[in-house]
Protein backbone atom coordinates (compact mmCIF):
# COMPACT_ATOMS: atom_id res chain seq x y z
CA MET A 1 0.00 0.00 0.00
CA GLN A 2 1.32 3.45 -0.92
CA ASP A 3 2.36 6.03 1.67
CA LEU A 4 -0.20 8.53 2.88
CA THR A 5 0.22 12.23 2.33
CA TRP A 6 -0.72 14.63 5.11
CA TRP A 7 -3.91 15.75 3.39
CA GLN A 8 -4.94 12.17 2.67
CA GLY A 9 -4.47 11.28 6.33
CA ILE A 10 -6.57 14.26 7.41
CA GLY A 11 -9.20 13.34 4.81
CA LEU A 12 -9.43 9.75 6.11
CA LEU A 13 -9.75 11.00 9.68
CA LEU A 14 -12.54 13.37 8.62
CA ALA A 15 -14.23 10.54 6.72
CA ALA A 16 -14.04 8.26 9.75
CA ALA A 17 -15.41 10.99 12.06
CA GLY A 18 -18.18 11.83 9.60
CA ALA A 19 -19.13 8.18 9.19
CA SER A 20 -19.17 7.68 12.98
CA VAL A 21 -21.25 10.77 13.79
CA GLY A 22 -23.49 10.42 10.76
CA GLY A 23 -24.04 6.75 11.47
CA ARG A 24 -25.15 7.51 15.02
CA VAL A 25 -27.50 10.33 14.02
CA LEU A 26 -28.93 8.97 10.76
CA GLY A 27 -28.99 5.41 12.07
CA ALA A 28 -30.95 6.41 15.16
CA HIS A 29 -33.42 8.33 12.96
CA LEU A 30 -33.79 5.40 10.55
CA HIS A 31 -34.27 2.98 13.42
CA GLY A 32 -36.95 5.22 14.95
CA VAL A 33 -38.85 5.38 11.66
CA LEU A 34 -38.61 1.63 11.15
CA TYR A 35 -39.70 0.92 14.73
CA ARG A 36 -42.74 3.17 14.42
CA ARG A 37 -43.71 1.34 11.25
CA VAL A 38 -43.54 -2.12 12.81
CA LEU A 39 -45.54 -0.94 15.82
CA LEU A 40 -48.54 -0.73 13.50
CA THR A 41 -48.45 -4.50 12.87
CA ALA A 42 -50.44 -6.95 14.95
CA SER A 43 -47.52 -9.23 15.85
CA PRO A 44 -45.23 -8.15 18.72
CA THR A 45 -42.38 -10.34 17.47
CA ASP A 46 -41.14 -7.90 14.84
CA ASP A 47 -41.38 -5.10 17.41
CA ARG A 48 -38.93 -6.87 19.71
CA PHE A 49 -36.62 -7.74 16.83
CA VAL A 50 -36.47 -4.22 15.39
CA LEU A 51 -36.01 -2.75 18.87
CA ARG A 52 -32.79 -4.75 19.19
CA LEU A 53 -31.47 -3.57 15.83
CA ALA A 54 -30.59 -0.03 16.96
CA LEU A 55 -26.80 -0.49 17.10
CA PRO A 56 -26.54 -2.76 14.01
CA ILE A 57 -28.49 -0.19 11.94
CA GLU A 58 -26.23 2.63 13.15
CA LEU A 59 -23.17 0.60 12.19
CA LEU A 60 -24.67 -0.21 8.79
CA VAL A 61 -25.41 3.46 8.07
CA GLY A 62 -21.90 4.39 9.22
CA VAL A 63 -20.39 1.87 6.79
CA VAL A 64 -22.44 3.29 3.91
CA LEU A 65 -21.32 6.83 4.78
CA TRP A 66 -17.71 5.65 4.98
CA GLN A 67 -17.88 4.17 1.49
CA VAL A 68 -19.34 7.42 0.15
CA LEU A 69 -16.91 9.76 1.90
CA ILE A 70 -13.71 7.94 0.91
CA SER A 71 -14.73 8.21 -2.74
CA LEU A 72 -14.67 12.03 -2.44
CA PHE A 73 -10.89 12.10 -1.91
CA SER A 74 -8.29 11.50 -4.59
CA LEU A 75 -6.88 8.33 -3.12
CA GLY A 76 -4.63 5.91 -4.90
CA SER A 77 -6.00 2.64 -6.19
CA GLU A 78 -4.30 0.54 -3.51
CA LEU A 79 -5.32 2.86 -0.68
CA LEU A 80 -8.89 3.11 -1.98
CA ALA A 81 -9.11 -0.69 -2.22
CA PHE A 82 -7.86 -1.01 1.36
CA CYS A 83 -10.42 1.53 2.63
CA ARG A 84 -13.21 -0.22 0.76
CA GLY A 85 -12.06 -3.53 2.27
CA VAL A 86 -12.39 -1.98 5.72
CA GLY A 87 -15.92 -0.95 4.78
CA HIS A 88 -16.74 -4.49 3.65
CA VAL A 89 -15.50 -5.85 6.98
CA GLY A 90 -17.74 -3.36 8.78
CA LEU A 91 -20.65 -4.50 6.61
CA LEU A 92 -20.07 -8.14 7.56
CA VAL A 93 -19.90 -7.20 11.24
CA ALA A 94 -23.17 -5.24 10.97
CA ILE A 95 -24.92 -8.17 9.27
CA ALA A 96 -23.57 -10.64 11.84
CA TRP A 97 -24.69 -8.34 14.65
CA GLY A 98 -28.20 -8.23 13.23
CA VAL A 99 -28.30 -12.02 12.85
CA LEU A 100 -27.23 -12.48 16.47
CA ARG A 101 -30.03 -10.14 17.54
CA GLY A 102 -32.41 -12.26 15.47
CA ILE A 103 -31.22 -15.43 17.21
CA ASP A 104 -31.85 -13.85 20.61
CA THR A 105 -35.34 -12.76 19.56
CA THR A 106 -36.16 -16.21 18.18
CA PHE A 107 -35.16 -17.97 21.40
CA ASP A 108 -36.94 -15.40 23.58
CA VAL A 109 -40.23 -15.44 21.66
CA PHE A 110 -40.74 -18.81 19.98
CA ALA A 111 -38.73 -21.31 22.02
CA PRO A 112 -40.65 -20.86 25.33
CA ARG A 113 -43.91 -21.58 23.49
CA TRP A 114 -42.63 -24.91 22.22
CA VAL A 115 -41.10 -26.13 25.50
CA VAL A 116 -43.33 -24.47 28.09
CA HIS A 117 -44.20 -27.80 29.76
CA GLN A 118 -40.84 -29.53 29.32
CA ARG A 119 -38.32 -28.90 32.05
CA ALA A 120 -35.48 -30.66 30.24
CA ALA A 121 -36.01 -28.59 27.11
CA ARG A 122 -36.12 -25.35 29.08
CA SER A 123 -32.74 -26.15 30.62
CA LEU A 124 -31.37 -26.83 27.13
CA LEU A 125 -32.33 -23.42 25.71
CA PRO A 126 -29.29 -21.43 26.97
CA LEU A 127 -26.90 -24.05 25.60
CA ALA A 128 -28.67 -24.11 22.23
CA ARG A 129 -28.55 -20.31 22.04
CA ARG A 130 -24.83 -20.23 22.76
CA ILE A 131 -24.14 -22.91 20.16
CA ALA A 132 -26.14 -21.06 17.47
CA LYS A 133 -24.41 -17.77 18.21
CA SER A 134 -20.96 -19.39 18.33
CA VAL A 135 -21.48 -21.00 14.93
CA MET A 136 -22.57 -17.66 13.48
CA VAL A 137 -19.56 -15.85 14.95
CA GLY A 138 -17.23 -18.51 13.55
CA VAL A 139 -18.67 -18.20 10.04
CA ILE A 140 -18.40 -14.39 10.08
CA ALA A 141 -14.84 -14.58 11.44
CA ILE A 142 -13.79 -16.81 8.54
CA MET A 143 -15.44 -14.44 6.05
CA VAL A 144 -13.67 -11.43 7.61
CA LEU A 145 -10.28 -13.13 7.54
CA SER A 146 -10.84 -14.14 3.93
CA ARG A 147 -11.78 -10.55 3.03
CA LEU A 148 -8.61 -9.24 4.71
CA GLY A 149 -6.51 -11.52 2.54
CA PHE A 150 -5.61 -14.24 5.00
CA SER A 151 -5.55 -17.87 3.94
CA THR A 152 -8.56 -19.58 5.51
CA GLY A 153 -7.86 -23.07 4.15
CA PRO A 154 -5.92 -24.32 7.22
CA LEU A 155 -8.47 -22.69 9.50
CA LEU A 156 -11.32 -24.50 7.76
CA VAL A 157 -9.45 -27.80 8.09
CA LEU A 158 -8.90 -27.09 11.80
CA PHE A 159 -12.59 -26.31 12.29
CA ALA A 160 -13.54 -29.52 10.47
CA ILE A 161 -11.25 -31.61 12.68
CA VAL A 162 -12.48 -29.97 15.89
CA GLY A 163 -16.10 -30.28 14.76
CA GLY A 164 -15.65 -33.98 13.95
CA ALA A 165 -14.02 -34.64 17.31
CA LEU A 166 -16.81 -32.82 19.15
CA ALA A 167 -19.43 -34.71 17.15
CA LEU A 168 -17.90 -38.07 18.11
CA ALA A 169 -17.58 -37.04 21.75
CA SER A 170 -21.18 -35.84 21.98
CA VAL A 171 -22.85 -38.98 20.61
CA ARG A 172 -23.76 -40.45 24.01
CA PRO A 173 -24.76 -37.11 25.64
CA LEU A 174 -26.86 -36.29 22.60
CA GLU A 175 -28.59 -39.66 22.84
CA ASN A 176 -29.49 -38.90 26.46
CA VAL A 177 -30.80 -35.43 25.54
CA LEU A 178 -32.98 -36.77 22.75
CA SER A 179 -34.15 -39.58 24.99
CA ALA A 180 -35.34 -36.98 27.51
CA TYR A 181 -37.71 -35.66 24.85
CA ALA A 182 -38.87 -39.22 24.14
CA LEU A 183 -39.60 -39.82 27.83
CA LEU A 184 -41.59 -36.60 28.12
CA GLY A 185 -43.33 -36.85 24.77
CA ASP A 186 -43.91 -40.41 23.56
CA HIS A 187 -43.71 -42.14 26.95
CA GLY A 188 -45.67 -39.42 28.73
CA LEU A 189 -43.63 -39.69 31.92
CA ARG A 190 -43.79 -36.82 34.40
CA GLU A 191 -42.14 -36.04 37.69
CA GLY A 192 -44.16 -37.65 40.49
CA ASP A 193 -45.23 -40.72 38.48
CA ARG A 194 -44.90 -44.11 40.16
CA VAL A 195 -43.18 -46.53 37.79
CA CYS A 196 -42.02 -50.12 37.77
CA LEU A 197 -39.03 -50.96 35.57
CA GLU A 198 -38.51 -54.25 33.78
CA THR A 199 -35.71 -55.02 36.26
CA GLY A 200 -38.29 -55.10 39.08
CA VAL A 201 -37.35 -51.75 40.60
CA THR A 202 -40.36 -49.73 41.77
CA GLY A 203 -40.25 -46.08 42.72
CA VAL A 204 -41.35 -42.51 42.08
CA ILE A 205 -39.74 -40.30 39.44
CA GLU A 206 -38.28 -37.28 41.21
CA SER A 207 -36.58 -35.51 38.30
CA ILE A 208 -36.08 -35.98 34.56
CA GLY A 209 -32.85 -34.26 33.60
CA LEU A 210 -31.05 -33.81 30.33
CA TYR A 211 -28.81 -36.84 30.79
CA ALA A 212 -30.38 -39.03 33.48
CA THR A 213 -33.59 -39.63 35.41
CA ARG A 214 -33.61 -39.93 39.19
CA ILE A 215 -36.05 -42.44 40.74
CA ARG A 216 -36.72 -42.70 44.48
CA THR A 217 -37.23 -46.38 45.16
CA THR A 218 -39.38 -48.02 47.84
CA ALA A 219 -36.19 -48.91 49.73
CA SER A 220 -35.60 -45.16 50.42
CA SER A 221 -32.71 -45.00 47.96
CA TYR A 222 -32.15 -43.22 44.67
CA LEU A 223 -31.72 -44.92 41.31
CA ILE A 224 -30.15 -42.79 38.59
CA VAL A 225 -30.78 -44.19 35.10
CA PRO A 226 -29.40 -42.70 31.85
CA ASN A 227 -32.23 -41.45 29.67
CA ARG A 228 -31.18 -43.52 26.66
CA ARG A 229 -31.53 -46.74 28.68
CA LEU A 230 -34.81 -45.65 30.22
CA ALA A 231 -36.23 -44.75 26.80
CA ASP A 232 -35.54 -48.28 25.51
CA ALA A 233 -36.75 -50.05 28.67
CA GLN A 234 -40.19 -51.50 29.34
CA ILE A 235 -41.82 -49.29 31.98
CA GLU A 236 -45.04 -49.85 33.88
CA ARG A 237 -46.57 -46.60 35.10
CA ALA A 238 -49.31 -46.22 37.71
CA PHE A 239 -52.52 -44.79 36.31
CA HIS A 240 -53.19 -42.47 39.27
CA ARG A 241 -50.45 -40.08 40.21
CA PRO A 242 -49.67 -39.51 43.88
CA ALA A 243 -50.94 -36.30 45.43
CA THR A 244 -48.45 -33.44 45.42
CA ALA A 245 -48.01 -30.48 47.71
CA SER A 246 -49.58 -28.19 45.12
CA HIS A 247 -52.75 -30.32 45.15
CA ALA A 248 -52.92 -30.28 48.93
CA ALA A 249 -52.62 -26.49 48.96
CA VAL A 250 -55.83 -26.08 46.98
CA PRO A 251 -58.71 -25.32 49.43
CA PRO A 252 -61.78 -27.59 49.29
CA PRO A 253 -64.82 -26.18 47.49
CA GLN A 254 -67.19 -24.22 49.72
CA PRO A 255 -70.91 -25.05 49.74
CA PRO A 256 -73.11 -22.47 48.06
CA SER A 257 -74.57 -19.81 50.35
CA PRO A 258 -78.39 -20.02 50.85
CA SER A 259 -80.53 -17.54 49.02
CA PRO A 260 -82.63 -14.91 50.92
CA ALA A 261 -85.85 -16.78 50.01
CA THR A 262 -84.51 -19.96 51.61
CA ILE A 263 -83.52 -18.08 54.78
CA ALA A 264 -87.01 -16.49 55.02
CA HIS A 265 -88.66 -19.89 54.52
CA HIS A 266 -86.61 -21.50 57.32
CA THR A 267 -87.33 -18.54 59.62
CA THR A 268 -91.11 -18.83 58.99
CA THR A 269 -91.04 -22.57 59.55
CA ALA A 270 -89.19 -22.17 62.85
CA ARG A 271 -91.70 -19.55 64.00
CA ASP A 272 -94.64 -21.80 63.13
CA LEU A 273 -93.14 -24.71 65.02
CA SER A 274 -92.59 -22.61 68.11
């Protein structure tokens, strides 16, 4: 890259300052207009998503202003290509930022509706969110390095090796996680059910976790069974579930209060008898 002259350096500083200030001001105005538009829709999902896009929109507008301002100066071809490459990196970062905001909105809005009655699935949501965001960050990082001119071939090979090793190591844990869904869905097991396993063990299910299920046996001991084994086992479940503390806390129904006509009738009858 060619050397910078003093006026080119000042021009790039002014372009960076203009893109930063203009991105904050124009981006905030654009975000406000867009947010007021989505407020008119019936669904609240797009409202929450657009509300989180304030900073990504400001960065996107700043990148656009940067690309426009650097074209106003008489820069050399190599220097102009470098500045445009910086703008492309900023564009990738803005897009990745918006996608990460979309992932957060998706998990906050839709995921609780699907797993509202499944304790194991609710505990899996933070891990699934981190995995989705980590994969997105890794893809954007490779694209940024490729745009900057670095060789990404060895990095892709490294990611493939690490991903294959993690996939092999997570076979058994993944089987237990999927088996937890089978126990809650197909088998219909719930915490508090009295079950009898094919091995002859009888007890009450105390908790269904992501990897194992804990059963309190009749011998006042705990039996911890991996979910994948419990999903393949023959289980006998009691039809009536034992009463829980929440059921005992419900007050018994009160008898209906007598009407005024009934009270007057009983009063007249008592007076006649006396």
